[in-house]
Every structure is written in structure tokens, then in C-alpha cells.
């Protein structure tokens, strides 16, 4: 029932009575963040962006974040620049990019969950 209902069965209001607005967008997330950031009360962003930096980002070029959605930390750094509230999943691999470290240092952040994941390589 949950997965088959419209919007996964989300309630229309919060426990406090505030309206819940949910949108599924298939467009450039960076552009969506830029549009949303101009509002007086920017929306909460929940995001699990690509977070493995490109070689250029690791070398210290925070602006060279790749051109494709699935490459580099362009979306991650845009979420960290976003003036509204956000909940972001990221990895310690992200910290290899100077741009990510700088933005995390400039933003008030709190770790909600920390997990150690075993990693194997062949």
C-alpha cells in the first residue's frame, strides 16, 4: 500500500498542521537550488548527491567539479552553499575535495548519523 499510493502515502500536513509540499524534479539540481535560494523561507533539501571528487578537485581546484551529474562534487558543493536547511548524505571521500572542506568549514553542520562501512577491493 505505501509504495503504491500517490507520493508514497505522505501526509498532507505535519503534526503541527503546516502544509507539506513535495516535488519530484528531473532537472539540474544546481539550477533548482539557485531558484529556491531566493525565497524568504528556502525549502528543506534532502539530498544524497554524487560525492566522489574528481582528480581535479583532489588536486585543489574547487571550481572544476565535472560537467556531468554523476561526476564530482558539483551538486554537493551547491547544496552546501544553499542558504536554507539541508540534510545531506556524504562520505569521507568528499573531504578530499578542497571545495567541500571549505564549504563545510563555513557552514554550521551537525552529524546526524555516522556509520563505518567495510570496504573491499580486489
Foldseek 3Di string as FASTA:
>chain_A
DQVPDVVSPDDQADPVGHGDDDDDDDDPLLVVLVVQLVDPARDEEEEEFQQQADPVQLVADLVPADDDRNGGCVNVLSVLVRPHHYDYDYDVNNVSGPSNVVSPVVDDDDDPDDDDDDDDDD
